Amino acid sequence: MRAVLQRVTSARVEVAGEVVGQCGQGLMILVCAMQGDSEANAEKLASRIAKLRIFDDGAGKMNLSVRDIGGSALVVSQFTLAADTSRGNRPGFSAAVAPDEGRRLYEHFAQALATEGVPVETGRFAADMQVSLTNDGPITISIEA
C-alpha cells in the first residue's frame, strides 16, 4: 500500500457540501491499495504510521508519534497515488487494485490504524471529495508497505 501523510492542525473532507470526515491535530492520510497488496500490507502500513515520529517534542525536535500527542487521523482513499507517469502526458493507473478490492483494503487500513490507538475518520470511497487541510510545518511524507 502507498500513502502520503501530511501533519496537520486540522483537516476535513466534504461530499456534496456535507462534511463526512474531519480531524484536529494529527495526520491527513491519502492511501492507495496497489496490485499485490493484502490485509498484511494494510496492517503494516497502519502500524508504521501510528509509530512514525514526526511531531515535535518539548525541545522542538520531531520525536513524537500521532499516538504520543493524542492526535487523530483523517484517511482518504486516493487511487491516483498509483499514477504511472513514465510514458506520455496522461498517467496510467493500472498499478492500483480494482475498486472493490481497493475499498476493502482501504477500510481494513482505517480499521487497523484505529486498532493502533489512533482515532480515525474517513472520506467516502470513490466519491468526488473536497479536501481541506492546514499542513503543519509543512510536513509531508510518502510511505509504502
C-alpha atoms as a PDB file:
ATOM      1  CA  MET A   1       0.000   0.000   0.000  1.00  0.00           C
ATOM      2  CA  ARG A   2       1.088   3.521  -0.676  1.00  0.00           C
ATOM      3  CA  ALA A   3       0.260   6.583   1.422  1.00  0.00           C
ATOM      4  CA  VAL A   4       1.010  10.274   1.619  1.00  0.00           C
ATOM      5  CA  LEU A   5       0.896  11.724   5.131  1.00  0.00           C
ATOM      6  CA  GLN A   6       0.519  15.357   5.966  1.00  0.00           C
ATOM      7  CA  ARG A   7       0.986  16.589   9.506  1.00  0.00           C
ATOM      8  CA  VAL A   8      -1.994  18.864  10.088  1.00  0.00           C
ATOM      9  CA  THR A   9      -3.534  21.134  12.658  1.00  0.00           C
ATOM     10  CA  SER A  10      -6.905  20.300  11.096  1.00  0.00           C
ATOM     11  CA  ALA A  11      -8.373  18.579   8.045  1.00  0.00           C
ATOM     12  CA  ARG A  12     -11.805  17.784   6.678  1.00  0.00           C
ATOM     13  CA  VAL A  13     -13.411  16.166   3.680  1.00  0.00           C
ATOM     14  CA  GLU A  14     -16.746  17.137   2.153  1.00  0.00           C
ATOM     15  CA  VAL A  15     -19.011  15.355  -0.303  1.00  0.00           C
ATOM     16  CA  ALA A  16     -21.706  17.464  -1.961  1.00  0.00           C
ATOM     17  CA  GLY A  17     -21.263  20.166   0.695  1.00  0.00           C
ATOM     18  CA  GLU A  18     -21.592  17.726   3.617  1.00  0.00           C
ATOM     19  CA  VAL A  19     -18.652  17.143   5.974  1.00  0.00           C
ATOM     20  CA  VAL A  20     -18.148  13.371   6.021  1.00  0.00           C
ATOM     21  CA  GLY A  21     -14.885  13.236   7.993  1.00  0.00           C
ATOM     22  CA  GLN A  22     -12.562  15.549   9.886  1.00  0.00           C
ATOM     23  CA  CYS A  23      -9.715  15.626  12.355  1.00  0.00           C
ATOM     24  CA  GLY A  24      -7.896  18.117  14.510  1.00  0.00           C
ATOM     25  CA  GLN A  25      -4.170  17.938  15.197  1.00  0.00           C
ATOM     26  CA  GLY A  26      -2.789  14.794  13.659  1.00  0.00           C
ATOM     27  CA  LEU A  27      -2.493  13.298  10.193  1.00  0.00           C
ATOM     28  CA  MET A  28      -4.229  13.682   6.865  1.00  0.00           C
ATOM     29  CA  ILE A  29      -3.571  10.335   5.150  1.00  0.00           C
ATOM     30  CA  LEU A  30      -4.142   9.717   1.453  1.00  0.00           C
ATOM     31  CA  VAL A  31      -3.968   5.967   0.842  1.00  0.00           C
ATOM     32  CA  CYS A  32      -3.924   3.703  -2.226  1.00  0.00           C
ATOM     33  CA  ALA A  33      -4.059  -0.088  -2.448  1.00  0.00           C
ATOM     34  CA  MET A  34      -1.659  -1.376  -5.102  1.00  0.00           C
ATOM     35  CA  GLN A  35      -1.656  -4.600  -7.111  1.00  0.00           C
ATOM     36  CA  GLY A  36      -0.466  -7.434  -4.867  1.00  0.00           C
ATOM     37  CA  ASP A  37      -1.442  -5.738  -1.594  1.00  0.00           C
ATOM     38  CA  SER A  38      -3.140  -7.691   1.169  1.00  0.00           C
ATOM     39  CA  GLU A  39      -4.524  -7.141   4.653  1.00  0.00           C
ATOM     40  CA  ALA A  40      -0.977  -7.678   5.952  1.00  0.00           C
ATOM     41  CA  ASN A  41       0.222  -4.666   3.923  1.00  0.00           C
ATOM     42  CA  ALA A  42      -2.608  -2.534   5.328  1.00  0.00           C
ATOM     43  CA  GLU A  43      -1.785  -3.581   8.887  1.00  0.00           C
ATOM     44  CA  LYS A  44       1.960  -2.991   8.426  1.00  0.00           C
ATOM     45  CA  LEU A  45       1.331   0.468   6.969  1.00  0.00           C
ATOM     46  CA  ALA A  46      -1.056   1.358   9.806  1.00  0.00           C
ATOM     47  CA  SER A  47       1.478   0.229  12.406  1.00  0.00           C
ATOM     48  CA  ARG A  48       4.310   2.210  10.806  1.00  0.00           C
ATOM     49  CA  ILE A  49       2.195   5.362  10.558  1.00  0.00           C
ATOM     50  CA  ALA A  50       0.937   5.131  14.149  1.00  0.00           C
ATOM     51  CA  LYS A  51       4.551   4.969  15.383  1.00  0.00           C
ATOM     52  CA  LEU A  52       6.130   7.457  12.960  1.00  0.00           C
ATOM     53  CA  ARG A  53       7.795  10.214  14.986  1.00  0.00           C
ATOM     54  CA  ILE A  54       7.009  13.381  13.038  1.00  0.00           C
ATOM     55  CA  PHE A  55       5.542  15.593  15.775  1.00  0.00           C
ATOM     56  CA  ASP A  56       7.604  17.996  17.846  1.00  0.00           C
ATOM     57  CA  ASP A  57       8.576  17.252  21.429  1.00  0.00           C
ATOM     58  CA  GLY A  58       9.133  19.939  24.059  1.00  0.00           C
ATOM     59  CA  ALA A  59      12.512  20.770  22.542  1.00  0.00           C
ATOM     60  CA  GLY A  60      11.050  21.292  19.073  1.00  0.00           C
ATOM     61  CA  LYS A  61      12.542  18.044  17.708  1.00  0.00           C
ATOM     62  CA  MET A  62      10.411  15.641  15.654  1.00  0.00           C
ATOM     63  CA  ASN A  63      10.375  12.903  18.248  1.00  0.00           C
ATOM     64  CA  LEU A  64       6.698  12.094  18.906  1.00  0.00           C
ATOM     65  CA  SER A  65       4.131   9.974  17.073  1.00  0.00           C
ATOM     66  CA  VAL A  66       0.493  10.795  16.400  1.00  0.00           C
ATOM     67  CA  ARG A  67      -0.361   8.460  19.302  1.00  0.00           C
ATOM     68  CA  ASP A  68       2.108  10.223  21.604  1.00  0.00           C
ATOM     69  CA  ILE A  69       0.419  13.592  21.057  1.00  0.00           C
ATOM     70  CA  GLY A  70      -3.133  12.193  21.334  1.00  0.00           C
ATOM     71  CA  GLY A  71      -3.766  13.168  17.715  1.00  0.00           C
ATOM     72  CA  SER A  72      -6.210  11.754  15.212  1.00  0.00           C
ATOM     73  CA  ALA A  73      -6.255  10.891  11.524  1.00  0.00           C
ATOM     74  CA  LEU A  74      -8.402  11.607   8.508  1.00  0.00           C
ATOM     75  CA  VAL A  75      -7.988   8.762   5.996  1.00  0.00           C
ATOM     76  CA  VAL A  76      -8.980   9.384   2.370  1.00  0.00           C
ATOM     77  CA  SER A  77      -8.802   6.884  -0.490  1.00  0.00           C
ATOM     78  CA  GLN A  78      -6.635   8.155  -3.342  1.00  0.00           C
ATOM     79  CA  PHE A  79      -6.188   5.736  -6.259  1.00  0.00           C
ATOM     80  CA  THR A  80      -4.228   8.402  -8.147  1.00  0.00           C
ATOM     81  CA  LEU A  81      -1.231   7.651  -5.882  1.00  0.00           C
ATOM     82  CA  ALA A  82      -0.761   4.677  -8.227  1.00  0.00           C
ATOM     83  CA  ALA A  83      -0.165   7.006 -11.189  1.00  0.00           C
ATOM     84  CA  ASP A  84       2.421   5.878 -13.727  1.00  0.00           C
ATOM     85  CA  THR A  85       3.752   8.988 -15.444  1.00  0.00           C
ATOM     86  CA  SER A  86       6.675   7.328 -17.216  1.00  0.00           C
ATOM     87  CA  ARG A  87       5.064   7.425 -20.658  1.00  0.00           C
ATOM     88  CA  GLY A  88       3.334  10.333 -22.336  1.00  0.00           C
ATOM     89  CA  ASN A  89       1.310  13.061 -20.713  1.00  0.00           C
ATOM     90  CA  ARG A  90      -1.614  11.015 -19.427  1.00  0.00           C
ATOM     91  CA  PRO A  91      -0.978   8.978 -16.263  1.00  0.00           C
ATOM     92  CA  GLY A  92      -1.919   5.315 -16.118  1.00  0.00           C
ATOM     93  CA  PHE A  93      -3.445   3.770 -13.021  1.00  0.00           C
ATOM     94  CA  SER A  94      -3.157   0.041 -13.720  1.00  0.00           C
ATOM     95  CA  ALA A  95      -0.948  -0.427 -10.634  1.00  0.00           C
ATOM     96  CA  ALA A  96      -3.962   0.302  -8.391  1.00  0.00           C
ATOM     97  CA  VAL A  97      -6.220  -2.572  -7.400  1.00  0.00           C
ATOM     98  CA  ALA A  98      -9.765  -2.881  -8.733  1.00  0.00           C
ATOM     99  CA  PRO A  99     -12.337  -0.708  -6.926  1.00  0.00           C
ATOM    100  CA  ASP A 100     -13.955  -3.498  -4.867  1.00  0.00           C
ATOM    101  CA  GLU A 101     -10.582  -4.681  -3.582  1.00  0.00           C
ATOM    102  CA  GLY A 102      -9.472  -1.079  -3.097  1.00  0.00           C
ATOM    103  CA  ARG A 103     -12.479  -0.363  -0.904  1.00  0.00           C
ATOM    104  CA  ARG A 104     -11.889  -3.493   1.172  1.00  0.00           C
ATOM    105  CA  LEU A 105      -8.198  -2.718   1.762  1.00  0.00           C
ATOM    106  CA  TYR A 106      -8.883   0.985   2.401  1.00  0.00           C
ATOM    107  CA  GLU A 107     -11.440   0.104   5.070  1.00  0.00           C
ATOM    108  CA  HIS A 108      -9.102  -2.527   6.524  1.00  0.00           C
ATOM    109  CA  PHE A 109      -6.296   0.062   6.719  1.00  0.00           C
ATOM    110  CA  ALA A 110      -8.539   2.589   8.502  1.00  0.00           C
ATOM    111  CA  GLN A 111      -9.643  -0.084  10.999  1.00  0.00           C
ATOM    112  CA  ALA A 112      -6.045  -1.227  11.537  1.00  0.00           C
ATOM    113  CA  LEU A 113      -4.977   2.356  12.270  1.00  0.00           C
ATOM    114  CA  ALA A 114      -7.809   2.685  14.790  1.00  0.00           C
ATOM    115  CA  THR A 115      -6.688  -0.596  16.370  1.00  0.00           C
ATOM    116  CA  GLU A 116      -3.237   1.005  16.760  1.00  0.00           C
ATOM    117  CA  GLY A 117      -4.871   3.587  19.047  1.00  0.00           C
ATOM    118  CA  VAL A 118      -5.324   6.447  16.587  1.00  0.00           C
ATOM    119  CA  PRO A 119      -8.853   7.921  16.364  1.00  0.00           C
ATOM    120  CA  VAL A 120      -9.812   7.710  12.672  1.00  0.00           C
ATOM    121  CA  GLU A 121     -12.365   9.390  10.457  1.00  0.00           C
ATOM    122  CA  THR A 122     -12.605   8.718   6.740  1.00  0.00           C
ATOM    123  CA  GLY A 123     -13.664  10.190   3.471  1.00  0.00           C
ATOM    124  CA  ARG A 124     -16.181   8.410   1.240  1.00  0.00           C
ATOM    125  CA  PHE A 125     -14.669   5.797  -1.047  1.00  0.00           C
ATOM    126  CA  ALA A 126     -14.990   6.579  -4.789  1.00  0.00           C
ATOM    127  CA  ALA A 127     -16.829   9.839  -4.128  1.00  0.00           C
ATOM    128  CA  ASP A 128     -15.977  13.239  -5.571  1.00  0.00           C
ATOM    129  CA  MET A 129     -14.487  14.755  -2.423  1.00  0.00           C
ATOM    130  CA  GLN A 130     -13.269  18.208  -1.499  1.00  0.00           C
ATOM    131  CA  VAL A 131     -10.418  18.002   0.995  1.00  0.00           C
ATOM    132  CA  SER A 132      -9.323  20.959   3.125  1.00  0.00           C
ATOM    133  CA  LEU A 133      -6.381  20.960   5.484  1.00  0.00           C
ATOM    134  CA  THR A 134      -3.884  23.098   7.281  1.00  0.00           C
ATOM    135  CA  ASN A 135      -0.493  21.444   6.807  1.00  0.00           C
ATOM    136  CA  ASP A 136       1.617  21.887   9.922  1.00  0.00           C
ATOM    137  CA  GLY A 137       5.288  22.522   9.239  1.00  0.00           C
ATOM    138  CA  PRO A 138       4.723  21.852   6.382  1.00  0.00           C
ATOM    139  CA  ILE A 139       5.459  18.160   6.875  1.00  0.00           C
ATOM    140  CA  THR A 140       4.510  15.800   4.020  1.00  0.00           C
ATOM    141  CA  ILE A 141       5.848  12.232   3.802  1.00  0.00           C
ATOM    142  CA  SER A 142       5.230   9.381   1.363  1.00  0.00           C
ATOM    143  CA  ILE A 143       5.386   5.840   2.721  1.00  0.00           C
ATOM    144  CA  GLU A 144       4.800   2.320   1.407  1.00  0.00           C
ATOM    145  CA  ALA A 145       4.282  -1.084   2.984  1.00  0.00           C
END
